[in-house]
């Protein structure tokens, strides 16, 4: 197993995945890592749907692609690269996003990260009880040599995709993690903006000395 910091520093969003099957043993390890994460009040209302059925994945992919065509694609084509990212790197990222869009359903395994709200209503803080688990699973996938990424684009068509996934009343999805053996290589990840640009001390106008 690689060092934790090496794992984090080389855990790229892997959007080009081979369709080769992933052993259930590895998926179990990823899920077991997910439930080691902290969650609100230790209520453990997380639920994880493992999807291998291509028919289900194809239904969701229809909306996933529609969201790209209507929203994400135009944004990529008209927006400048983020701070610290070259135009060439930004174009490579867009190409990878398009590839995942077209081949989303071919990823051999999806883990759909959900919360069971029962009769409650999701709010702004709800994700705090599921996204730490998602990060644990992403790190574990990387450590096992598997490619994965966190995607929430299906939520642009939340009702339609959750119906396609067959989620029961009160259970809502917060992310889909497509998992497979990567076509490309891991890391190192781009460093993005310098810490000095985004870390403050005590007051918003006081830069933290890093």
N, C-alpha and C. Protein backbone atom coordinates (compact mmCIF):
# COMPACT_ATOMS: atom_id res chain seq x y z
N UNK A 1 0.85 -1.19 0.00
CA UNK A 1 0.00 0.00 0.00
C UNK A 1 0.89 1.24 0.00
N UNK A 2 0.60 2.20 -0.85
CA UNK A 2 1.41 3.41 -0.88
C UNK A 2 1.22 4.26 0.38
N UNK A 3 2.19 5.12 0.63
CA UNK A 3 2.09 6.07 1.72
C UNK A 3 0.85 6.95 1.55
N UNK A 4 0.23 7.33 2.67
CA UNK A 4 -1.00 8.11 2.61
C UNK A 4 -0.82 9.41 1.83
N UNK A 5 0.28 10.13 2.12
CA UNK A 5 0.48 11.41 1.44
C UNK A 5 0.75 11.20 -0.05
N UNK A 6 1.45 10.13 -0.38
CA UNK A 6 1.66 9.81 -1.80
C UNK A 6 0.32 9.51 -2.46
N UNK A 7 -0.55 8.79 -1.76
CA UNK A 7 -1.87 8.48 -2.30
C UNK A 7 -2.65 9.76 -2.58
N UNK A 8 -2.66 10.68 -1.62
CA UNK A 8 -3.40 11.92 -1.80
C UNK A 8 -2.81 12.77 -2.92
N UNK A 9 -1.48 12.79 -3.01
CA UNK A 9 -0.83 13.65 -3.98
C UNK A 9 -0.87 13.09 -5.40
N UNK A 10 -1.30 11.85 -5.54
CA UNK A 10 -1.39 11.25 -6.88
C UNK A 10 -2.81 10.78 -7.20
N UNK A 11 -3.79 11.22 -6.41
CA UNK A 11 -5.17 10.79 -6.61
C UNK A 11 -5.88 11.76 -7.56
N UNK A 12 -5.63 11.58 -8.82
CA UNK A 12 -6.30 12.39 -9.83
C UNK A 12 -7.73 11.89 -10.04
N UNK A 13 -8.56 12.77 -10.57
CA UNK A 13 -9.88 12.33 -11.02
C UNK A 13 -9.68 11.52 -12.29
N UNK A 14 -9.88 10.22 -12.20
CA UNK A 14 -9.65 9.33 -13.34
C UNK A 14 -10.98 9.11 -14.06
N UNK A 15 -11.10 9.72 -15.24
CA UNK A 15 -12.36 9.71 -15.98
C UNK A 15 -12.35 8.74 -17.16
N UNK A 16 -11.18 8.24 -17.50
CA UNK A 16 -11.08 7.24 -18.58
C UNK A 16 -10.82 5.88 -17.94
N UNK A 17 -11.85 5.05 -17.94
CA UNK A 17 -11.80 3.77 -17.24
C UNK A 17 -12.01 2.61 -18.21
N UNK A 18 -11.30 1.54 -17.97
CA UNK A 18 -11.48 0.33 -18.77
C UNK A 18 -12.79 -0.35 -18.36
N UNK A 19 -13.42 -1.06 -19.29
CA UNK A 19 -14.66 -1.76 -18.93
C UNK A 19 -14.43 -3.10 -18.23
N UNK A 20 -13.17 -3.46 -18.00
CA UNK A 20 -12.85 -4.74 -17.36
C UNK A 20 -13.50 -4.85 -15.99
N UNK A 21 -13.97 -6.04 -15.62
CA UNK A 21 -14.61 -6.21 -14.31
C UNK A 21 -13.66 -5.90 -13.16
N UNK A 22 -14.21 -5.38 -12.08
CA UNK A 22 -13.45 -5.14 -10.85
C UNK A 22 -13.89 -6.17 -9.83
N UNK A 23 -12.94 -6.89 -9.21
CA UNK A 23 -13.33 -7.92 -8.24
C UNK A 23 -14.16 -7.36 -7.09
N UNK A 24 -15.16 -8.13 -6.67
CA UNK A 24 -16.01 -7.72 -5.56
C UNK A 24 -15.20 -7.47 -4.29
N UNK A 25 -14.11 -8.22 -4.12
CA UNK A 25 -13.27 -8.06 -2.92
C UNK A 25 -12.74 -6.63 -2.81
N UNK A 26 -12.36 -6.04 -3.95
CA UNK A 26 -11.85 -4.67 -3.93
C UNK A 26 -12.96 -3.67 -3.65
N UNK A 27 -14.14 -3.92 -4.20
CA UNK A 27 -15.28 -3.03 -3.94
C UNK A 27 -15.65 -3.07 -2.47
N UNK A 28 -15.58 -4.25 -1.85
CA UNK A 28 -15.87 -4.37 -0.42
C UNK A 28 -14.87 -3.56 0.41
N UNK A 29 -13.60 -3.59 0.01
CA UNK A 29 -12.58 -2.81 0.72
C UNK A 29 -12.88 -1.32 0.62
N UNK A 30 -13.31 -0.89 -0.55
CA UNK A 30 -13.65 0.52 -0.76
C UNK A 30 -14.84 0.91 0.10
N UNK A 31 -15.86 0.08 0.14
CA UNK A 31 -17.05 0.37 0.94
C UNK A 31 -16.71 0.35 2.43
N UNK A 32 -15.87 -0.60 2.86
CA UNK A 32 -15.49 -0.67 4.27
C UNK A 32 -14.74 0.59 4.69
N UNK A 33 -13.93 1.15 3.78
CA UNK A 33 -13.24 2.40 4.08
C UNK A 33 -14.23 3.55 4.20
N UNK A 34 -15.28 3.51 3.39
CA UNK A 34 -16.29 4.57 3.44
C UNK A 34 -16.94 4.68 4.80
N UNK A 35 -17.28 3.56 5.40
CA UNK A 35 -18.00 3.62 6.68
C UNK A 35 -17.07 3.85 7.87
N UNK A 36 -15.77 4.02 7.60
CA UNK A 36 -14.85 4.45 8.66
C UNK A 36 -14.87 5.97 8.83
N UNK A 37 -15.51 6.66 7.92
CA UNK A 37 -15.50 8.13 7.94
C UNK A 37 -16.43 8.66 9.04
N UNK A 38 -16.18 9.90 9.50
CA UNK A 38 -17.10 10.52 10.45
C UNK A 38 -18.40 10.91 9.77
N UNK A 39 -19.46 11.01 10.55
CA UNK A 39 -20.74 11.46 10.02
C UNK A 39 -21.54 12.10 11.13
N UNK A 40 -22.48 12.95 10.74
CA UNK A 40 -23.21 13.76 11.71
C UNK A 40 -23.88 12.95 12.81
N UNK A 41 -23.52 13.25 14.07
CA UNK A 41 -24.10 12.63 15.27
C UNK A 41 -23.95 11.11 15.27
N UNK A 42 -23.08 10.60 14.42
CA UNK A 42 -22.88 9.15 14.28
C UNK A 42 -24.19 8.42 13.99
N UNK A 43 -25.09 9.09 13.27
CA UNK A 43 -26.37 8.47 12.94
C UNK A 43 -26.23 7.39 11.87
N UNK A 44 -25.17 7.48 11.07
CA UNK A 44 -24.88 6.48 10.04
C UNK A 44 -26.08 6.27 9.10
N UNK A 45 -26.59 7.40 8.63
CA UNK A 45 -27.72 7.33 7.70
C UNK A 45 -27.25 7.17 6.25
N UNK A 46 -25.94 6.95 6.09
CA UNK A 46 -25.45 6.74 4.72
C UNK A 46 -25.96 5.41 4.17
N UNK A 47 -26.16 5.39 2.90
CA UNK A 47 -26.54 4.19 2.18
C UNK A 47 -25.73 4.18 0.87
N UNK A 48 -25.25 3.01 0.48
CA UNK A 48 -24.41 2.91 -0.71
C UNK A 48 -25.01 1.89 -1.68
N UNK A 49 -25.36 2.37 -2.85
CA UNK A 49 -25.93 1.51 -3.88
C UNK A 49 -24.82 1.15 -4.87
N UNK A 50 -24.51 -0.13 -4.98
CA UNK A 50 -23.51 -0.61 -5.93
C UNK A 50 -24.23 -1.02 -7.21
N UNK A 51 -23.88 -0.35 -8.29
CA UNK A 51 -24.59 -0.57 -9.57
C UNK A 51 -23.63 -1.20 -10.58
N UNK A 52 -24.03 -2.38 -11.06
CA UNK A 52 -23.28 -3.04 -12.13
C UNK A 52 -24.15 -3.26 -13.36
N UNK A 53 -25.45 -3.17 -13.19
CA UNK A 53 -26.41 -3.44 -14.27
C UNK A 53 -26.29 -2.35 -15.34
N UNK A 54 -25.89 -2.75 -16.54
CA UNK A 54 -25.67 -1.77 -17.60
C UNK A 54 -26.96 -1.08 -18.02
N UNK A 55 -28.08 -1.77 -17.93
CA UNK A 55 -29.36 -1.16 -18.31
C UNK A 55 -29.67 0.03 -17.40
N UNK A 56 -29.41 -0.12 -16.10
CA UNK A 56 -29.64 0.99 -15.17
C UNK A 56 -28.67 2.12 -15.47
N UNK A 57 -27.42 1.77 -15.69
CA UNK A 57 -26.41 2.80 -15.95
C UNK A 57 -26.72 3.57 -17.23
N UNK A 58 -27.22 2.88 -18.23
CA UNK A 58 -27.56 3.56 -19.49
C UNK A 58 -28.69 4.56 -19.29
N UNK A 59 -29.67 4.21 -18.45
CA UNK A 59 -30.77 5.14 -18.19
C UNK A 59 -30.25 6.43 -17.55
N UNK A 60 -29.34 6.29 -16.59
CA UNK A 60 -28.78 7.46 -15.92
C UNK A 60 -27.89 8.24 -16.87
N UNK A 61 -27.15 7.54 -17.72
CA UNK A 61 -26.22 8.20 -18.63
C UNK A 61 -26.93 9.14 -19.60
N UNK A 62 -28.16 8.82 -19.95
CA UNK A 62 -28.94 9.69 -20.83
C UNK A 62 -29.06 11.09 -20.22
N UNK A 63 -29.38 11.16 -18.94
CA UNK A 63 -29.52 12.45 -18.27
C UNK A 63 -28.16 13.07 -17.97
N UNK A 64 -27.18 12.23 -17.70
CA UNK A 64 -25.82 12.70 -17.45
C UNK A 64 -25.29 13.43 -18.67
N UNK A 65 -25.52 12.86 -19.84
CA UNK A 65 -25.07 13.49 -21.08
C UNK A 65 -25.91 14.73 -21.39
N UNK A 66 -27.19 14.68 -21.13
CA UNK A 66 -28.04 15.84 -21.39
C UNK A 66 -27.56 17.04 -20.56
N UNK A 67 -27.20 16.78 -19.31
CA UNK A 67 -26.70 17.85 -18.45
C UNK A 67 -25.40 18.43 -19.00
N UNK A 68 -24.57 17.58 -19.58
CA UNK A 68 -23.33 18.08 -20.19
C UNK A 68 -23.64 18.93 -21.41
N UNK A 69 -24.50 18.42 -22.26
CA UNK A 69 -24.82 19.13 -23.50
C UNK A 69 -25.48 20.48 -23.23
N UNK A 70 -26.30 20.54 -22.20
CA UNK A 70 -27.07 21.76 -21.91
C UNK A 70 -26.34 22.76 -21.02
N UNK A 71 -25.51 22.25 -20.10
CA UNK A 71 -24.92 23.14 -19.10
C UNK A 71 -23.39 23.06 -19.06
N UNK A 72 -22.87 21.89 -18.76
CA UNK A 72 -21.43 21.77 -18.51
C UNK A 72 -20.59 22.02 -19.75
N UNK A 73 -21.01 21.46 -20.88
CA UNK A 73 -20.25 21.66 -22.11
C UNK A 73 -20.09 23.12 -22.48
N UNK A 74 -21.19 23.87 -22.56
CA UNK A 74 -21.07 25.30 -22.86
C UNK A 74 -20.21 26.06 -21.85
N UNK A 75 -20.28 25.68 -20.58
CA UNK A 75 -19.46 26.35 -19.57
C UNK A 75 -17.98 26.11 -19.83
N UNK A 76 -17.62 24.87 -20.13
CA UNK A 76 -16.22 24.55 -20.41
C UNK A 76 -15.73 25.34 -21.62
N UNK A 77 -16.56 25.42 -22.64
CA UNK A 77 -16.11 26.03 -23.90
C UNK A 77 -15.98 27.55 -23.80
N UNK A 78 -16.69 28.17 -22.88
CA UNK A 78 -16.69 29.63 -22.81
C UNK A 78 -15.97 30.19 -21.59
N UNK A 79 -15.55 29.34 -20.66
CA UNK A 79 -14.91 29.82 -19.45
C UNK A 79 -13.39 29.77 -19.58
N UNK A 80 -12.69 30.72 -18.96
CA UNK A 80 -11.23 30.66 -18.95
C UNK A 80 -10.76 29.56 -18.01
N UNK A 81 -9.52 29.10 -18.16
CA UNK A 81 -8.98 28.09 -17.24
C UNK A 81 -8.99 28.60 -15.80
N UNK A 82 -9.16 27.72 -14.83
CA UNK A 82 -9.09 28.14 -13.42
C UNK A 82 -7.69 28.66 -13.09
N UNK A 83 -7.56 29.40 -11.98
CA UNK A 83 -6.24 29.91 -11.58
C UNK A 83 -5.22 28.78 -11.44
N UNK A 84 -4.03 29.00 -11.99
CA UNK A 84 -2.96 28.01 -11.88
C UNK A 84 -3.04 26.89 -12.89
N UNK A 85 -4.01 26.94 -13.80
CA UNK A 85 -4.18 25.88 -14.80
C UNK A 85 -3.94 26.47 -16.19
N UNK A 86 -3.08 25.82 -16.96
CA UNK A 86 -2.81 26.30 -18.32
C UNK A 86 -3.99 25.96 -19.23
N UNK A 87 -4.05 26.66 -20.35
CA UNK A 87 -5.11 26.39 -21.31
C UNK A 87 -5.02 24.96 -21.83
N UNK A 88 -3.79 24.48 -22.05
CA UNK A 88 -3.61 23.12 -22.55
C UNK A 88 -4.13 22.09 -21.54
N UNK A 89 -3.81 22.31 -20.27
CA UNK A 89 -4.29 21.38 -19.23
C UNK A 89 -5.80 21.45 -19.12
N UNK A 90 -6.36 22.64 -19.26
CA UNK A 90 -7.81 22.80 -19.18
C UNK A 90 -8.51 22.07 -20.32
N UNK A 91 -7.92 22.13 -21.50
CA UNK A 91 -8.49 21.43 -22.65
C UNK A 91 -8.40 19.92 -22.47
N UNK A 92 -7.30 19.46 -21.88
CA UNK A 92 -7.17 18.02 -21.62
C UNK A 92 -8.22 17.57 -20.62
N UNK A 93 -8.46 18.41 -19.61
CA UNK A 93 -9.49 18.08 -18.64
C UNK A 93 -10.86 18.02 -19.30
N UNK A 94 -11.16 18.99 -20.16
CA UNK A 94 -12.45 19.00 -20.84
C UNK A 94 -12.62 17.74 -21.70
N UNK A 95 -11.54 17.32 -22.36
CA UNK A 95 -11.61 16.10 -23.17
C UNK A 95 -11.91 14.88 -22.30
N UNK A 96 -11.30 14.85 -21.11
CA UNK A 96 -11.55 13.72 -20.20
C UNK A 96 -12.99 13.74 -19.70
N UNK A 97 -13.51 14.94 -19.42
CA UNK A 97 -14.90 15.06 -18.97
C UNK A 97 -15.85 14.59 -20.08
N UNK A 98 -15.56 14.97 -21.30
CA UNK A 98 -16.39 14.51 -22.43
C UNK A 98 -16.32 13.01 -22.59
N UNK A 99 -15.12 12.46 -22.40
CA UNK A 99 -14.98 10.99 -22.52
C UNK A 99 -15.84 10.30 -21.47
N UNK A 100 -15.76 10.76 -20.21
CA UNK A 100 -16.58 10.14 -19.17
C UNK A 100 -18.06 10.30 -19.49
N UNK A 101 -18.43 11.44 -20.02
CA UNK A 101 -19.83 11.67 -20.38
C UNK A 101 -20.33 10.62 -21.36
N UNK A 102 -19.54 10.34 -22.37
CA UNK A 102 -19.95 9.40 -23.41
C UNK A 102 -19.84 7.94 -22.97
N UNK A 103 -18.98 7.68 -21.99
CA UNK A 103 -18.71 6.29 -21.59
C UNK A 103 -19.08 6.02 -20.13
N UNK A 104 -19.88 6.90 -19.56
CA UNK A 104 -20.24 6.81 -18.15
C UNK A 104 -20.79 5.43 -17.81
N UNK A 105 -21.66 4.93 -18.65
CA UNK A 105 -22.32 3.65 -18.40
C UNK A 105 -21.39 2.46 -18.55
N UNK A 106 -20.21 2.66 -19.14
CA UNK A 106 -19.27 1.56 -19.36
C UNK A 106 -18.37 1.31 -18.16
N UNK A 107 -18.30 2.24 -17.23
CA UNK A 107 -17.53 1.99 -16.01
C UNK A 107 -18.11 0.74 -15.34
N UNK A 108 -17.28 -0.23 -15.01
CA UNK A 108 -17.82 -1.53 -14.56
C UNK A 108 -18.63 -1.46 -13.27
N UNK A 109 -18.27 -0.52 -12.38
CA UNK A 109 -18.97 -0.42 -11.10
C UNK A 109 -19.24 1.04 -10.78
N UNK A 110 -20.44 1.32 -10.32
CA UNK A 110 -20.75 2.62 -9.73
C UNK A 110 -21.04 2.41 -8.25
N UNK A 111 -20.56 3.30 -7.43
CA UNK A 111 -21.05 3.39 -6.06
C UNK A 111 -21.83 4.70 -5.96
N UNK A 112 -23.11 4.58 -5.68
CA UNK A 112 -23.96 5.76 -5.52
C UNK A 112 -24.03 6.05 -4.03
N UNK A 113 -23.47 7.19 -3.63
CA UNK A 113 -23.44 7.57 -2.23
C UNK A 113 -24.72 8.32 -1.88
N UNK A 114 -25.45 7.80 -0.92
CA UNK A 114 -26.77 8.34 -0.58
C UNK A 114 -26.89 8.59 0.92
N UNK A 115 -27.88 9.38 1.28
CA UNK A 115 -28.28 9.55 2.67
C UNK A 115 -29.76 9.21 2.80
N UNK A 116 -30.11 8.53 3.87
CA UNK A 116 -31.50 8.21 4.16
C UNK A 116 -32.04 9.28 5.10
N UNK A 117 -32.83 10.18 4.55
CA UNK A 117 -33.37 11.29 5.33
C UNK A 117 -34.69 10.92 6.02
N UNK A 118 -35.20 9.73 5.75
CA UNK A 118 -36.48 9.37 6.34
C UNK A 118 -37.54 10.37 5.94
N UNK A 119 -38.17 10.99 6.93
CA UNK A 119 -39.18 12.01 6.66
C UNK A 119 -38.59 13.42 6.74
N UNK A 120 -37.28 13.49 6.98
CA UNK A 120 -36.65 14.80 7.07
C UNK A 120 -36.37 15.40 5.70
N UNK A 121 -35.87 16.62 5.71
CA UNK A 121 -35.59 17.34 4.48
C UNK A 121 -34.10 17.64 4.39
N UNK A 122 -33.45 17.31 3.26
CA UNK A 122 -32.03 17.64 3.12
C UNK A 122 -31.80 19.14 3.25
N UNK A 123 -30.65 19.51 3.83
CA UNK A 123 -30.30 20.92 3.94
C UNK A 123 -28.84 21.11 3.57
N UNK A 124 -28.38 22.33 3.72
CA UNK A 124 -27.04 22.68 3.26
C UNK A 124 -25.96 21.84 3.95
N UNK A 125 -26.18 21.44 5.19
CA UNK A 125 -25.17 20.69 5.93
C UNK A 125 -25.26 19.18 5.75
N UNK A 126 -26.23 18.71 5.00
CA UNK A 126 -26.43 17.26 4.89
C UNK A 126 -25.21 16.54 4.33
N UNK A 127 -24.55 17.17 3.36
CA UNK A 127 -23.41 16.51 2.72
C UNK A 127 -22.28 16.19 3.67
N UNK A 128 -22.23 16.87 4.83
CA UNK A 128 -21.17 16.59 5.81
C UNK A 128 -21.23 15.17 6.32
N UNK A 129 -22.38 14.52 6.16
CA UNK A 129 -22.53 13.15 6.64
C UNK A 129 -22.24 12.11 5.56
N UNK A 130 -21.89 12.53 4.35
CA UNK A 130 -21.63 11.56 3.29
C UNK A 130 -20.34 11.82 2.53
N UNK A 131 -19.97 13.09 2.35
CA UNK A 131 -18.79 13.37 1.53
C UNK A 131 -17.48 12.91 2.17
N UNK A 132 -17.33 12.92 3.51
CA UNK A 132 -16.12 12.31 4.07
C UNK A 132 -16.00 10.83 3.69
N UNK A 133 -17.12 10.12 3.66
CA UNK A 133 -17.10 8.72 3.25
C UNK A 133 -16.70 8.58 1.78
N UNK A 134 -17.19 9.50 0.95
CA UNK A 134 -16.81 9.49 -0.47
C UNK A 134 -15.31 9.68 -0.62
N UNK A 135 -14.73 10.62 0.14
CA UNK A 135 -13.30 10.84 0.05
C UNK A 135 -12.51 9.61 0.50
N UNK A 136 -12.95 8.96 1.56
CA UNK A 136 -12.30 7.71 1.99
C UNK A 136 -12.31 6.68 0.87
N UNK A 137 -13.44 6.57 0.18
CA UNK A 137 -13.56 5.58 -0.88
C UNK A 137 -12.67 5.93 -2.07
N UNK A 138 -12.58 7.22 -2.39
CA UNK A 138 -11.71 7.64 -3.48
C UNK A 138 -10.26 7.34 -3.17
N UNK A 139 -9.83 7.63 -1.94
CA UNK A 139 -8.45 7.35 -1.53
C UNK A 139 -8.16 5.85 -1.57
N UNK A 140 -9.12 5.06 -1.13
CA UNK A 140 -8.93 3.61 -1.13
C UNK A 140 -8.85 3.06 -2.55
N UNK A 141 -9.70 3.57 -3.42
CA UNK A 141 -9.63 3.15 -4.82
C UNK A 141 -8.25 3.44 -5.40
N UNK A 142 -7.74 4.64 -5.11
CA UNK A 142 -6.40 4.99 -5.59
C UNK A 142 -5.35 4.04 -5.02
N UNK A 143 -5.42 3.76 -3.73
CA UNK A 143 -4.45 2.87 -3.09
C UNK A 143 -4.49 1.46 -3.68
N UNK A 144 -5.64 1.06 -4.18
CA UNK A 144 -5.80 -0.27 -4.78
C UNK A 144 -5.48 -0.28 -6.27
N UNK A 145 -5.07 0.87 -6.80
CA UNK A 145 -4.74 0.94 -8.21
C UNK A 145 -5.94 1.09 -9.12
N UNK A 146 -7.07 1.50 -8.56
CA UNK A 146 -8.29 1.69 -9.35
C UNK A 146 -8.52 3.17 -9.62
N UNK A 147 -9.11 3.46 -10.76
CA UNK A 147 -9.48 4.83 -11.10
C UNK A 147 -10.89 5.12 -10.63
N UNK A 148 -11.11 6.36 -10.23
CA UNK A 148 -12.44 6.76 -9.76
C UNK A 148 -12.52 8.29 -9.78
N UNK A 149 -13.72 8.80 -9.69
CA UNK A 149 -13.91 10.24 -9.56
C UNK A 149 -15.25 10.48 -8.89
N UNK A 150 -15.38 11.63 -8.25
CA UNK A 150 -16.65 12.04 -7.65
C UNK A 150 -17.39 12.86 -8.69
N UNK A 151 -18.62 12.50 -8.98
CA UNK A 151 -19.42 13.29 -9.90
C UNK A 151 -20.82 13.48 -9.33
N UNK A 152 -21.34 14.69 -9.51
CA UNK A 152 -22.68 15.01 -9.02
C UNK A 152 -23.57 15.54 -10.14
N UNK A 153 -23.10 15.46 -11.35
CA UNK A 153 -23.84 16.07 -12.46
C UNK A 153 -25.22 15.47 -12.64
N UNK A 154 -25.39 14.21 -12.28
CA UNK A 154 -26.72 13.59 -12.43
C UNK A 154 -27.78 14.32 -11.63
N UNK A 155 -27.34 15.09 -10.61
CA UNK A 155 -28.31 15.79 -9.77
C UNK A 155 -29.00 16.94 -10.49
N UNK A 156 -28.49 17.33 -11.66
CA UNK A 156 -29.21 18.31 -12.46
C UNK A 156 -30.55 17.73 -12.93
N UNK A 157 -30.63 16.42 -12.96
CA UNK A 157 -31.89 15.72 -13.24
C UNK A 157 -32.14 14.74 -12.10
N UNK A 158 -32.22 15.30 -10.91
CA UNK A 158 -32.26 14.49 -9.70
C UNK A 158 -33.44 13.51 -9.67
N UNK A 159 -34.63 13.99 -9.94
CA UNK A 159 -35.80 13.11 -9.86
C UNK A 159 -35.72 11.97 -10.86
N UNK A 160 -35.30 12.31 -12.09
CA UNK A 160 -35.24 11.30 -13.14
C UNK A 160 -34.17 10.24 -12.85
N UNK A 161 -33.00 10.70 -12.40
CA UNK A 161 -31.91 9.74 -12.18
C UNK A 161 -32.15 8.91 -10.92
N UNK A 162 -32.73 9.51 -9.89
CA UNK A 162 -33.01 8.73 -8.69
C UNK A 162 -34.11 7.71 -8.94
N UNK A 163 -35.03 8.04 -9.84
CA UNK A 163 -36.04 7.06 -10.23
C UNK A 163 -35.40 5.91 -11.00
N UNK A 164 -34.48 6.26 -11.91
CA UNK A 164 -33.79 5.22 -12.67
C UNK A 164 -32.97 4.32 -11.76
N UNK A 165 -32.41 4.90 -10.70
CA UNK A 165 -31.63 4.12 -9.74
C UNK A 165 -32.51 3.33 -8.77
N UNK A 166 -33.78 3.62 -8.76
CA UNK A 166 -34.71 2.90 -7.90
C UNK A 166 -34.57 3.24 -6.42
N UNK A 167 -34.18 4.49 -6.10
CA UNK A 167 -34.02 4.85 -4.70
C UNK A 167 -35.38 4.97 -4.02
N UNK A 168 -35.51 4.44 -2.81
CA UNK A 168 -36.79 4.52 -2.11
C UNK A 168 -37.07 5.93 -1.60
N UNK A 169 -38.30 6.17 -1.19
CA UNK A 169 -38.72 7.46 -0.68
C UNK A 169 -37.87 7.85 0.53
N UNK A 170 -37.36 9.08 0.52
CA UNK A 170 -36.56 9.57 1.63
C UNK A 170 -35.07 9.37 1.48
N UNK A 171 -34.66 8.57 0.49
CA UNK A 171 -33.24 8.34 0.23
C UNK A 171 -32.83 9.17 -0.98
N UNK A 172 -31.77 9.97 -0.82
CA UNK A 172 -31.31 10.84 -1.89
C UNK A 172 -29.83 10.61 -2.18
N UNK A 173 -29.49 10.69 -3.45
CA UNK A 173 -28.10 10.51 -3.85
C UNK A 173 -27.35 11.83 -3.73
N UNK A 174 -26.07 11.71 -3.37
CA UNK A 174 -25.21 12.88 -3.25
C UNK A 174 -24.01 12.83 -4.19
N UNK A 175 -23.71 11.65 -4.70
CA UNK A 175 -22.60 11.50 -5.64
C UNK A 175 -22.69 10.13 -6.28
N UNK A 176 -22.13 10.04 -7.47
CA UNK A 176 -21.87 8.74 -8.09
C UNK A 176 -20.37 8.63 -8.27
N UNK A 177 -19.82 7.50 -7.87
CA UNK A 177 -18.40 7.23 -8.04
C UNK A 177 -18.25 6.11 -9.06
N UNK A 178 -17.90 6.42 -10.31
CA UNK A 178 -17.60 5.36 -11.27
C UNK A 178 -16.21 4.80 -10.99
N UNK A 179 -16.09 3.49 -10.97
CA UNK A 179 -14.84 2.84 -10.58
C UNK A 179 -14.43 1.82 -11.64
N UNK A 180 -13.15 1.80 -11.97
CA UNK A 180 -12.62 0.82 -12.92
C UNK A 180 -11.11 0.94 -12.97
N UNK A 181 -10.51 0.05 -13.73
CA UNK A 181 -9.07 0.15 -13.93
C UNK A 181 -8.79 1.31 -14.88
N UNK A 182 -7.83 2.17 -14.54
CA UNK A 182 -7.62 3.38 -15.34
C UNK A 182 -6.91 3.09 -16.65
N UNK A 183 -7.26 3.89 -17.67
CA UNK A 183 -6.54 3.82 -18.94
C UNK A 183 -5.23 4.62 -18.87
N UNK A 184 -5.22 5.67 -18.06
CA UNK A 184 -4.05 6.52 -17.96
C UNK A 184 -3.26 6.25 -16.69
N UNK A 185 -2.40 7.18 -16.35
CA UNK A 185 -1.54 7.06 -15.18
C UNK A 185 -2.01 7.99 -14.08
N UNK A 186 -1.68 7.61 -12.85
CA UNK A 186 -2.02 8.44 -11.71
C UNK A 186 -1.02 9.58 -11.56
N UNK A 187 -1.48 10.68 -11.00
CA UNK A 187 -0.73 11.85 -10.57
C UNK A 187 0.56 12.13 -11.31
N UNK A 188 1.33 13.12 -10.84
CA UNK A 188 0.93 13.96 -9.71
C UNK A 188 -0.17 14.94 -10.10
N UNK A 189 -0.98 15.28 -9.12
CA UNK A 189 -2.10 16.18 -9.40
C UNK A 189 -1.58 17.60 -9.54
N UNK A 190 -2.35 18.43 -10.25
CA UNK A 190 -2.01 19.84 -10.36
C UNK A 190 -2.15 20.53 -9.01
N UNK A 191 -1.30 21.45 -8.74
CA UNK A 191 -1.32 22.11 -7.43
C UNK A 191 -2.33 23.24 -7.35
N UNK A 192 -2.82 23.74 -8.49
CA UNK A 192 -3.82 24.79 -8.44
C UNK A 192 -3.27 26.08 -7.86
N UNK A 193 -4.11 26.81 -7.17
CA UNK A 193 -3.72 28.11 -6.63
C UNK A 193 -2.79 27.94 -5.43
N UNK A 194 -1.85 28.86 -5.25
CA UNK A 194 -0.97 28.80 -4.07
C UNK A 194 -1.77 28.95 -2.79
N UNK A 195 -1.31 28.30 -1.72
CA UNK A 195 -1.99 28.41 -0.44
C UNK A 195 -2.10 29.87 0.01
N UNK A 196 -1.08 30.65 -0.31
CA UNK A 196 -1.08 32.04 0.12
C UNK A 196 -2.25 32.84 -0.45
N UNK A 197 -2.85 32.34 -1.54
CA UNK A 197 -3.97 33.04 -2.16
C UNK A 197 -5.31 32.69 -1.53
N UNK A 198 -5.36 31.57 -0.82
CA UNK A 198 -6.67 31.06 -0.40
C UNK A 198 -6.79 30.79 1.10
N UNK A 199 -5.72 31.03 1.87
CA UNK A 199 -5.76 30.78 3.30
C UNK A 199 -5.64 32.11 4.05
N UNK A 200 -6.56 32.34 4.99
CA UNK A 200 -6.60 33.59 5.74
C UNK A 200 -6.49 33.30 7.23
N UNK A 201 -6.11 34.32 8.00
CA UNK A 201 -6.01 34.15 9.44
C UNK A 201 -6.83 35.22 10.15
N UNK A 202 -7.78 34.74 10.95
CA UNK A 202 -8.61 35.60 11.80
C UNK A 202 -9.57 36.49 11.02
N UNK A 203 -9.07 37.22 10.03
CA UNK A 203 -9.92 38.11 9.24
C UNK A 203 -9.76 37.78 7.76
N UNK A 204 -10.81 38.02 7.01
CA UNK A 204 -10.83 37.68 5.59
C UNK A 204 -9.77 38.45 4.80
N UNK A 205 -9.38 39.61 5.29
CA UNK A 205 -8.41 40.42 4.55
C UNK A 205 -6.98 40.22 5.07
N UNK A 206 -6.78 39.24 5.93
CA UNK A 206 -5.46 38.99 6.51
C UNK A 206 -4.93 37.65 6.01
N UNK A 207 -3.95 37.69 5.11
CA UNK A 207 -3.39 36.46 4.54
C UNK A 207 -2.64 35.67 5.62
N UNK A 208 -2.82 34.38 5.59
CA UNK A 208 -2.09 33.50 6.49
C UNK A 208 -0.69 33.28 5.94
N UNK A 209 0.30 33.35 6.79
CA UNK A 209 1.69 33.21 6.35
C UNK A 209 2.02 31.75 6.11
N UNK A 210 2.11 31.35 4.83
CA UNK A 210 2.43 29.97 4.49
C UNK A 210 3.67 29.94 3.62
